[in-house]
């Protein structure tokens, strides 16, 4: 997490642009995690099955968000820095189906959470504190980078993308912790 700070200053800016190396790596990690959870759900008993379905849906939605809901496939220009410009969400022809899809996913996640998973155990039971601390720190640093509070827009964007990657790399640890937690 802390290596992202000096890395933001030395990494070429283009690797952190939308639809480039770091963003695509984030999407690959999230889709991989969704696929692993689908595989785990197929071989699990009822409560674990629903837990993995919950995780798979969540990771898939995160991946779609990293792809800007598909807007990265609709490049309309390039900034002076070389960063691509994509169609705005207001002009995006698929925004209504996306909102409907998100509403359905959120409802499914809530139903799974309430009906099949022990919410009290998740909230008040043991937690993977190390992974959660790194994830919270990464989210905080990503926020600082996104708003340009760190080294301006150019370095801030790099910090944001590296910290998002760090946060996503904590997800497997958290997911496996709760898988073992539910097995007990």
Protein backbone atom coordinates (compact mmCIF):
# COMPACT_ATOMS: atom_id res chain seq x y z
CA UNK A 1 0.00 0.00 0.00
CA UNK A 2 2.71 2.47 0.96
CA UNK A 3 4.84 1.54 -2.08
CA UNK A 4 2.08 3.05 -4.21
CA UNK A 5 3.05 6.54 -3.05
CA UNK A 6 6.58 6.60 -4.57
CA UNK A 7 5.37 4.42 -7.46
CA UNK A 8 2.81 7.11 -8.37
CA UNK A 9 5.68 9.53 -9.00
CA UNK A 10 7.87 7.23 -11.11
CA UNK A 11 5.35 5.15 -13.08
CA UNK A 12 4.57 6.34 -16.60
CA UNK A 13 1.20 8.13 -16.40
CA UNK A 14 -0.25 6.23 -19.35
CA UNK A 15 -0.32 2.91 -17.45
CA UNK A 16 -2.91 4.38 -15.08
CA UNK A 17 -5.22 5.81 -17.78
CA UNK A 18 -8.70 4.39 -18.16
CA UNK A 19 -8.65 1.16 -20.16
CA UNK A 20 -4.87 0.69 -19.79
CA UNK A 21 -2.56 -1.61 -17.83
CA UNK A 22 -3.54 -0.95 -14.19
CA UNK A 23 -7.28 -0.61 -14.90
CA UNK A 24 -7.24 -3.78 -16.99
CA UNK A 25 -5.30 -5.62 -14.29
CA UNK A 26 -7.98 -4.60 -11.80
CA UNK A 27 -10.69 -5.96 -14.08
CA UNK A 28 -8.80 -9.24 -14.58
CA UNK A 29 -8.42 -9.69 -10.82
CA UNK A 30 -12.12 -9.01 -10.20
CA UNK A 31 -13.34 -11.31 -12.98
CA UNK A 32 -10.96 -14.01 -11.77
CA UNK A 33 -12.34 -13.64 -8.23
CA UNK A 34 -15.91 -13.82 -9.54
CA UNK A 35 -15.07 -17.00 -11.50
CA UNK A 36 -13.34 -18.61 -8.50
CA UNK A 37 -16.38 -17.88 -6.36
CA UNK A 38 -18.70 -19.42 -8.96
CA UNK A 39 -16.49 -22.53 -8.93
CA UNK A 40 -16.51 -22.61 -5.11
CA UNK A 41 -20.30 -22.22 -5.06
CA UNK A 42 -20.74 -25.28 -7.27
CA UNK A 43 -18.84 -27.47 -4.81
CA UNK A 44 -20.20 -26.04 -1.55
CA UNK A 45 -22.97 -26.81 0.86
CA UNK A 46 -25.97 -24.46 1.09
CA UNK A 47 -24.69 -21.60 3.28
CA UNK A 48 -21.26 -21.54 1.63
CA UNK A 49 -22.91 -21.82 -1.79
CA UNK A 50 -24.88 -18.62 -1.16
CA UNK A 51 -21.84 -16.87 0.27
CA UNK A 52 -19.87 -17.59 -2.89
CA UNK A 53 -22.76 -16.56 -5.13
CA UNK A 54 -22.90 -13.29 -3.15
CA UNK A 55 -19.15 -12.75 -3.63
CA UNK A 56 -19.28 -13.64 -7.34
CA UNK A 57 -22.07 -11.12 -8.00
CA UNK A 58 -20.26 -8.46 -6.00
CA UNK A 59 -16.94 -8.98 -7.80
CA UNK A 60 -18.65 -9.04 -11.19
CA UNK A 61 -20.37 -5.72 -10.44
CA UNK A 62 -17.02 -4.28 -9.29
CA UNK A 63 -15.45 -5.40 -12.59
CA UNK A 64 -18.22 -3.74 -14.59
CA UNK A 65 -17.73 -0.56 -12.56
CA UNK A 66 -14.00 -0.61 -13.37
CA UNK A 67 -14.98 -0.83 -17.04
CA UNK A 68 -17.19 2.24 -16.47
CA UNK A 69 -20.23 0.08 -17.26
CA UNK A 70 -18.92 -0.47 -20.79
CA UNK A 71 -18.18 3.15 -21.62
CA UNK A 72 -14.49 2.24 -22.07
CA UNK A 73 -15.52 0.65 -25.35
CA UNK A 74 -16.88 3.99 -26.61
CA UNK A 75 -13.84 6.25 -26.90
CA UNK A 76 -14.72 9.62 -28.42
CA UNK A 77 -11.33 11.32 -28.31
CA UNK A 78 -7.99 11.76 -26.58
CA UNK A 79 -6.76 14.42 -24.17
CA UNK A 80 -3.45 16.22 -24.78
CA UNK A 81 -1.82 13.90 -22.22
CA UNK A 82 -2.86 10.89 -24.30
CA UNK A 83 -5.58 9.81 -21.90
CA UNK A 84 -8.66 8.55 -23.73
CA UNK A 85 -11.97 10.40 -23.46
CA UNK A 86 -15.09 8.26 -23.28
CA UNK A 87 -18.74 8.96 -23.90
CA UNK A 88 -20.43 10.53 -20.88
CA UNK A 89 -22.87 8.46 -18.85
CA UNK A 90 -25.67 10.90 -19.78
CA UNK A 91 -25.07 10.14 -23.48
CA UNK A 92 -24.44 6.42 -22.97
CA UNK A 93 -27.17 4.46 -24.77
CA UNK A 94 -27.16 1.57 -22.26
CA UNK A 95 -27.47 3.59 -19.04
CA UNK A 96 -31.11 2.62 -18.31
CA UNK A 97 -30.47 -1.15 -18.66
CA UNK A 98 -27.36 -0.71 -16.48
CA UNK A 99 -29.39 0.96 -13.73
CA UNK A 100 -31.99 -1.81 -13.93
CA UNK A 101 -29.22 -4.45 -13.81
CA UNK A 102 -27.67 -2.73 -10.78
CA UNK A 103 -31.01 -2.55 -8.99
CA UNK A 104 -31.53 -6.28 -9.59
CA UNK A 105 -27.99 -7.08 -8.38
CA UNK A 106 -28.42 -4.98 -5.25
CA UNK A 107 -31.74 -6.67 -4.47
CA UNK A 108 -30.19 -10.12 -5.03
CA UNK A 109 -27.26 -9.25 -2.77
CA UNK A 110 -29.59 -8.01 -0.04
CA UNK A 111 -31.79 -11.11 -0.26
CA UNK A 112 -28.78 -13.44 -0.11
CA UNK A 113 -27.30 -11.48 2.78
CA UNK A 114 -30.51 -11.42 4.84
CA UNK A 115 -31.85 -14.88 4.03
CA UNK A 116 -28.77 -17.08 3.74
CA UNK A 117 -25.83 -15.49 5.55
CA UNK A 118 -25.32 -14.95 9.30
CA UNK A 119 -25.17 -11.15 9.30
CA UNK A 120 -24.64 -10.93 13.07
CA UNK A 121 -21.62 -13.25 12.86
CA UNK A 122 -20.15 -11.16 10.04
CA UNK A 123 -20.68 -7.94 11.96
CA UNK A 124 -19.73 -9.05 15.47
CA UNK A 125 -17.53 -12.10 14.87
CA UNK A 126 -13.84 -12.38 14.21
CA UNK A 127 -12.52 -10.35 11.27
CA UNK A 128 -9.43 -10.42 9.01
CA UNK A 129 -8.12 -7.24 10.60
CA UNK A 130 -4.85 -7.03 8.64
CA UNK A 131 -6.51 -7.29 5.24
CA UNK A 132 -9.33 -4.95 6.27
CA UNK A 133 -6.82 -2.38 7.60
CA UNK A 134 -4.83 -2.45 4.34
CA UNK A 135 -8.04 -2.21 2.32
CA UNK A 136 -9.32 0.76 4.35
CA UNK A 137 -5.93 2.48 4.07
CA UNK A 138 -5.89 1.86 0.32
CA UNK A 139 -9.42 3.24 -0.06
CA UNK A 140 -8.43 6.35 1.92
CA UNK A 141 -5.29 6.91 -0.19
CA UNK A 142 -7.29 6.32 -3.39
CA UNK A 143 -9.74 9.00 -2.29
CA UNK A 144 -6.85 11.41 -1.63
CA UNK A 145 -5.41 10.64 -5.07
CA UNK A 146 -8.74 10.90 -6.89
CA UNK A 147 -9.41 14.38 -5.54
CA UNK A 148 -5.92 15.64 -6.41
CA UNK A 149 -4.87 16.15 -2.78
CA UNK A 150 -1.69 14.24 -3.55
CA UNK A 151 0.71 15.68 -6.08
CA UNK A 152 -2.00 17.14 -8.31
CA UNK A 153 -4.13 15.42 -10.94
CA UNK A 154 -1.40 13.44 -12.73
CA UNK A 155 0.16 11.80 -9.67
CA UNK A 156 -3.16 11.64 -7.88
CA UNK A 157 -4.68 9.52 -10.64
CA UNK A 158 -1.72 7.16 -10.48
CA UNK A 159 -2.04 6.88 -6.71
CA UNK A 160 -5.78 6.23 -7.00
CA UNK A 161 -5.32 3.39 -9.50
CA UNK A 162 -2.47 1.75 -7.58
CA UNK A 163 -4.48 1.92 -4.34
CA UNK A 164 -7.57 0.49 -6.02
CA UNK A 165 -5.39 -2.38 -7.20
CA UNK A 166 -4.10 -2.83 -3.65
CA UNK A 167 -7.66 -2.90 -2.29
CA UNK A 168 -8.70 -5.50 -4.87
CA UNK A 169 -5.68 -7.62 -3.99
CA UNK A 170 -6.99 -7.78 -0.40
CA UNK A 171 -10.32 -9.23 -1.52
CA UNK A 172 -9.10 -12.84 -1.91
CA UNK A 173 -7.75 -12.82 1.66
CA UNK A 174 -11.02 -11.44 3.03
CA UNK A 175 -13.09 -13.84 0.92
CA UNK A 176 -11.09 -16.89 2.05
CA UNK A 177 -11.22 -15.77 5.69
CA UNK A 178 -15.02 -15.69 5.63
CA UNK A 179 -15.17 -18.97 3.70
CA UNK A 180 -13.28 -20.65 6.56
CA UNK A 181 -15.36 -18.67 9.05
CA UNK A 182 -18.59 -20.08 7.57
CA UNK A 183 -17.19 -23.62 7.41
CA UNK A 184 -16.82 -23.61 11.21
